[in-house]
Protein backbone atom coordinates (compact mmCIF):
# COMPACT_ATOMS: atom_id res chain seq x y z
CA UNK A 1 -4.27 -9.25 6.62
CA UNK A 2 -7.23 -9.33 4.26
CA UNK A 3 -8.03 -5.60 4.52
CA UNK A 4 -4.37 -4.47 4.31
CA UNK A 5 -2.40 -6.87 2.09
CA UNK A 6 -3.44 -9.20 -0.73
CA UNK A 7 -1.49 -12.08 -2.31
CA UNK A 8 -2.22 -13.60 -5.72
CA UNK A 9 0.05 -16.48 -6.80
CA UNK A 10 0.20 -17.30 -10.51
CA UNK A 11 2.85 -19.32 -12.35
CA UNK A 12 5.28 -19.02 -9.49
CA UNK A 13 4.93 -15.24 -9.10
CA UNK A 14 3.22 -13.78 -6.03
CA UNK A 15 1.58 -10.43 -6.78
CA UNK A 16 1.57 -8.83 -3.31
CA UNK A 17 -0.34 -5.57 -2.89
CA UNK A 18 -0.79 -3.10 -0.06
CA UNK A 19 -4.52 -2.42 -0.25
CA UNK A 20 -5.23 0.47 2.11
CA UNK A 21 -5.65 2.75 -0.89
CA UNK A 22 -7.90 5.30 0.84
CA UNK A 23 -4.99 6.15 3.18
CA UNK A 24 -2.24 5.86 0.55
CA UNK A 25 -1.29 2.54 2.17
CA UNK A 26 -0.09 4.32 5.30
CA UNK A 27 1.29 2.19 8.12
CA UNK A 28 -1.08 1.62 11.03
CA UNK A 29 -1.09 -1.30 13.46
CA UNK A 30 -3.17 -3.44 11.09
CA UNK A 31 -0.82 -2.70 8.17
CA UNK A 32 2.24 -3.69 10.19
CA UNK A 33 0.50 -6.93 11.14
CA UNK A 34 -0.73 -7.52 7.59
CA UNK A 35 2.73 -7.13 6.06
CA UNK A 36 4.33 -9.47 8.59
CA UNK A 37 1.56 -12.05 8.14
CA UNK A 38 2.01 -11.85 4.37
CA UNK A 39 5.73 -12.42 4.75
CA UNK A 40 5.13 -15.44 6.96
CA UNK A 41 2.80 -16.97 4.36
CA UNK A 42 5.19 -16.27 1.51
CA UNK A 43 8.13 -17.85 3.34
CA UNK A 44 6.51 -21.30 3.18
CA UNK A 45 4.34 -20.91 0.07
CA UNK A 46 4.61 -23.92 -2.26
CA UNK A 47 5.58 -23.14 -5.83
CA UNK A 48 6.77 -19.61 -5.06
CA UNK A 49 9.64 -18.40 -7.25
CA UNK A 50 9.43 -14.60 -7.19
CA UNK A 51 7.45 -11.80 -5.48
CA UNK A 52 6.26 -8.42 -6.76
CA UNK A 53 5.36 -5.88 -4.06
CA UNK A 54 3.26 -2.83 -4.92
CA UNK A 55 0.61 -0.50 -3.55
CA UNK A 56 -2.97 -0.01 -4.74
CA UNK A 57 -4.34 3.45 -5.44
CA UNK A 58 -2.28 6.64 -5.64
CA UNK A 59 0.84 5.52 -3.76
CA UNK A 60 3.17 2.72 -2.79
CA UNK A 61 3.16 3.70 0.91
CA UNK A 62 2.92 7.13 2.54
CA UNK A 63 4.72 6.06 5.71
CA UNK A 64 3.39 6.05 9.26
CA UNK A 65 -0.31 6.79 9.59
CA UNK A 66 -1.05 10.21 11.11
CA UNK A 67 -3.27 8.56 13.71
CA UNK A 68 -0.27 6.52 14.77
CA UNK A 69 1.75 9.70 15.26
CA UNK A 70 -0.96 11.02 17.55
CA UNK A 71 -0.99 7.80 19.57
CA UNK A 72 2.81 7.71 19.77
CA UNK A 73 2.87 10.53 22.32
CA UNK A 74 1.25 8.29 24.92
CA UNK A 75 1.72 4.71 23.77
CA UNK A 76 4.85 4.70 21.60
CA UNK A 77 4.98 2.92 18.23
CA UNK A 78 1.67 1.13 17.46
CA UNK A 79 1.72 -2.37 18.92
CA UNK A 80 5.27 -2.07 20.29
CA UNK A 81 6.11 -1.23 23.90
CA UNK A 82 9.85 -1.96 23.77
CA UNK A 83 11.63 -1.25 20.49
CA UNK A 84 14.84 -2.84 21.76
CA UNK A 85 13.14 -6.22 22.13
CA UNK A 86 13.95 -8.53 19.20
CA UNK A 87 10.68 -10.19 18.22
CA UNK A 88 11.56 -11.46 14.72
CA UNK A 89 15.10 -12.83 14.67
CA UNK A 90 17.46 -9.83 14.52
CA UNK A 91 14.57 -7.38 14.04
CA UNK A 92 11.76 -5.85 16.07
CA UNK A 93 8.21 -5.76 14.74
CA UNK A 94 8.41 -2.53 12.65
CA UNK A 95 11.85 -3.47 11.26
CA UNK A 96 10.52 -6.85 10.18
CA UNK A 97 8.15 -5.14 7.72
CA UNK A 98 11.16 -4.10 5.64
CA UNK A 99 13.67 -6.82 6.53
CA UNK A 100 11.36 -9.76 5.79
CA UNK A 101 11.62 -9.10 2.02
CA UNK A 102 15.37 -9.56 2.29
CA UNK A 103 14.90 -12.74 4.30
CA UNK A 104 12.47 -14.38 1.87
CA UNK A 105 14.22 -17.21 0.00
CA UNK A 106 13.13 -15.91 -3.42
CA UNK A 107 13.76 -12.57 -5.19
CA UNK A 108 11.38 -9.68 -4.43
CA UNK A 109 10.75 -6.73 -6.75
CA UNK A 110 9.19 -3.51 -5.42
CA UNK A 111 7.08 -1.51 -7.88
CA UNK A 112 6.85 2.08 -6.64
CA UNK A 113 4.54 4.86 -7.78
CA UNK A 114 3.14 7.94 -6.07
CA UNK A 115 5.02 8.30 -2.79
CA UNK A 116 7.28 6.14 -0.64
CA UNK A 117 7.88 8.27 2.43
CA UNK A 118 9.52 7.34 5.73
CA UNK A 119 8.60 3.78 6.61
CA UNK A 120 7.22 3.33 3.09
CA UNK A 121 10.63 4.17 1.62
CA UNK A 122 12.34 1.72 3.95
CA UNK A 123 9.89 -1.06 3.06
CA UNK A 124 10.69 -0.44 -0.61
CA UNK A 125 14.40 -0.90 0.17
CA UNK A 126 13.89 -4.40 1.59
CA UNK A 127 13.27 -6.09 -1.79
CA UNK A 128 16.08 -7.21 -4.10
CA UNK A 129 15.07 -4.88 -6.96
CA UNK A 130 13.10 -1.63 -7.24
CA UNK A 131 11.25 -0.22 -10.27
CA UNK A 132 9.71 3.25 -10.02
CA UNK A 133 7.97 5.88 -12.10
CA UNK A 134 9.98 8.98 -13.01
CA UNK A 135 7.72 11.15 -10.84
CA UNK A 136 7.56 8.81 -7.84
CA UNK A 137 8.54 10.70 -4.69
CA UNK A 138 10.80 9.38 -1.96
CA UNK A 139 11.96 10.70 1.40
CA UNK A 140 13.76 9.61 4.54
CA UNK A 141 11.08 11.64 6.28
CA UNK A 142 11.62 10.63 9.90
CA UNK A 143 13.68 13.76 10.67
CA UNK A 144 10.57 15.86 10.01
CA UNK A 145 8.99 14.26 13.07
CA UNK A 146 12.14 14.32 15.21
CA UNK A 147 12.86 10.62 14.66
CA UNK A 148 15.40 8.31 13.00
CA UNK A 149 14.70 5.82 10.17
CA UNK A 150 14.14 2.66 12.20
CA UNK A 151 12.49 0.20 9.80
CA UNK A 152 15.94 -1.20 9.00
CA UNK A 153 16.59 1.91 6.90
CA UNK A 154 20.14 2.53 8.05
CA UNK A 155 21.11 -1.06 7.30
CA UNK A 156 19.46 -1.06 3.86
CA UNK A 157 20.40 2.41 2.57
CA UNK A 158 24.11 1.96 3.20
CA UNK A 159 24.37 -0.86 0.65
CA UNK A 160 22.61 1.09 -2.11
CA UNK A 161 23.93 4.67 -2.06
CA UNK A 162 27.10 6.51 -1.05
CA UNK A 163 27.46 7.28 2.63
CA UNK A 164 27.38 11.05 2.14
CA UNK A 165 24.17 10.75 0.08
CA UNK A 166 22.51 8.64 2.78
CA UNK A 167 23.56 11.16 5.41
CA UNK A 168 22.26 14.17 3.46
CA UNK A 169 18.87 12.55 2.87
CA UNK A 170 18.61 11.35 6.48
CA UNK A 171 19.60 14.72 7.99
CA UNK A 172 17.36 16.83 5.72
CA UNK A 173 14.39 14.60 4.87
CA UNK A 174 14.25 16.22 1.44
CA UNK A 175 11.97 14.73 -1.20
CA UNK A 176 13.52 13.31 -4.38
CA UNK A 177 11.97 11.73 -7.47
CA UNK A 178 12.38 8.41 -9.23
CA UNK A 179 15.00 9.67 -11.68
CA UNK A 180 17.21 10.99 -8.88
CA UNK A 181 16.58 7.85 -6.85
CA UNK A 182 17.97 5.77 -9.71
CA UNK A 183 20.99 8.04 -10.03
CA UNK A 184 21.71 7.62 -6.32
CA UNK A 185 21.30 3.85 -6.42
CA UNK A 186 17.98 3.38 -4.64
CA UNK A 187 16.01 2.52 -7.80
CA UNK A 188 16.99 -0.18 -10.29
CA UNK A 189 14.94 1.00 -13.27
CA UNK A 190 12.72 3.99 -14.02
CA UNK A 191 9.64 2.95 -16.02
CA UNK A 192 6.18 4.33 -16.73
CA UNK A 193 4.41 1.23 -15.35
CA UNK A 194 6.54 -0.27 -12.56
CA UNK A 195 4.11 -3.03 -11.63
CA UNK A 196 3.81 -4.30 -15.22
CA UNK A 197 7.59 -4.18 -15.65
CA UNK A 198 8.13 -5.92 -12.30
CA UNK A 199 5.68 -8.69 -13.17
CA UNK A 200 7.48 -9.20 -16.48
CA UNK A 201 10.86 -9.47 -14.77
CA UNK A 202 9.36 -11.78 -12.14
CA UNK A 203 8.04 -14.02 -14.90
CA UNK A 204 11.55 -14.21 -16.36
CA UNK A 205 13.05 -15.05 -12.95
CA UNK A 206 10.37 -17.69 -12.36
CA UNK A 207 11.41 -19.41 -15.59
CA UNK A 208 14.92 -20.11 -14.22
CA UNK A 209 15.99 -22.97 -11.99
CA UNK A 210 14.47 -22.27 -8.57
CA UNK A 211 17.41 -23.99 -6.89
CA UNK A 212 19.93 -21.68 -8.57
CA UNK A 213 17.82 -18.58 -7.94
CA UNK A 214 17.54 -19.33 -4.21
CA UNK A 215 21.25 -20.12 -4.00
CA UNK A 216 22.03 -16.81 -5.70
CA UNK A 217 19.91 -14.91 -3.20
CA UNK A 218 21.63 -16.63 -0.27
CA UNK A 219 25.02 -15.74 -1.72
CA UNK A 220 24.16 -12.11 -2.46
CA UNK A 221 22.54 -11.59 0.95
CA UNK A 222 25.62 -12.98 2.66
CA UNK A 223 28.10 -11.09 0.47
CA UNK A 224 27.50 -7.79 2.28
CA UNK A 225 27.94 -9.31 5.72
CA UNK A 226 30.84 -11.80 5.51
CA UNK A 227 34.53 -11.62 4.65
CA UNK A 228 36.03 -12.69 1.32
CA UNK A 229 37.23 -16.09 2.55
CA UNK A 230 33.79 -17.02 3.86
CA UNK A 231 32.15 -15.68 0.70
CA UNK A 232 34.39 -17.68 -1.62
CA UNK A 233 33.79 -20.83 0.39
CA UNK A 234 30.04 -20.22 0.32
CA UNK A 235 30.15 -19.92 -3.50
CA UNK A 236 31.91 -23.29 -3.70
CA UNK A 237 29.47 -25.00 -1.33
CA UNK A 238 26.41 -23.67 -3.16
CA UNK A 239 27.84 -24.62 -6.56
CA UNK A 240 28.77 -28.11 -5.37
CA UNK A 241 25.15 -28.72 -4.34
CA UNK A 242 23.82 -27.50 -7.70
CA UNK A 243 26.13 -29.38 -10.08
CA UNK A 244 24.42 -32.51 -11.36
CA UNK A 245 21.19 -31.90 -9.43
CA UNK A 246 17.92 -32.62 -11.27
CA UNK A 247 17.12 -28.95 -11.92
CA UNK A 248 20.66 -28.21 -13.08
CA UNK A 249 20.50 -31.14 -15.51
CA UNK A 250 17.13 -29.85 -16.70
CA UNK A 251 18.68 -26.41 -17.30
CA UNK A 252 21.30 -27.98 -19.56
CA UNK A 253 18.90 -30.26 -21.42
CA UNK A 254 16.24 -27.60 -22.02
CA UNK A 255 18.86 -25.27 -23.49
CA UNK A 256 20.38 -27.97 -25.70
CA UNK A 257 16.95 -29.08 -26.86
CA UNK A 258 15.77 -25.46 -27.30
CA UNK A 259 12.60 -25.94 -25.24
CA UNK A 260 11.04 -24.45 -22.15
CA UNK A 261 12.48 -25.93 -18.95
CA UNK A 262 10.32 -27.99 -16.61
CA UNK A 263 11.83 -27.35 -13.18
CA UNK A 264 10.68 -28.96 -9.96
CA UNK A 265 10.11 -26.82 -6.86
């Protein structure tokens, strides 16, 4: 992981960076492994309240490494012999690189600059929130190589943009910028410095009750997959657990006393 992904935890915020800058953070076998290892560490990291995911150098992630394309002809996807085999819960190994951000118990913000092509675009869709520069470039580029978006892209895109938009982008592979990505629903905010903005938002999230934040993420993750009756019941169950809990009492007292809250993880 050390030569592909770095993690720096400060005040509850994990600054996670893809660090293969010389290759525009392209996805090779080591990058797939590094991202999954990072996700595993984050899932059990003490004191974690929010994550910011970004790429070093000129890009967020340029997609699959060209060397991997060359190897695919003989060996298939790097490190994967059987794509149908579920190796990480509901996902296979490549899918886990995008889906793990959704599965993390805390909010994740992607900060995108340069390019997010193919697998890089799909990884950016896994987080809860996306900030991007106006001139960032995106593409569902798999069609260029005669492939489908298979890093959980079909399951992530459909919740963010209209179906016809998702189909057009998937069938054509056309490149679109950060402004258009926001208009379509893929990007939350367009800013000149996405990483700085993401870290600022993460700091704000980290200042809230960690119990309520995690409950909110569980609810919002489930909302797209369950029916209304189950969703309403889940709201009630989560709220029942929060009411009167130490962190909820602290939220009330800190607001009444006009002071910074001191929440326990």
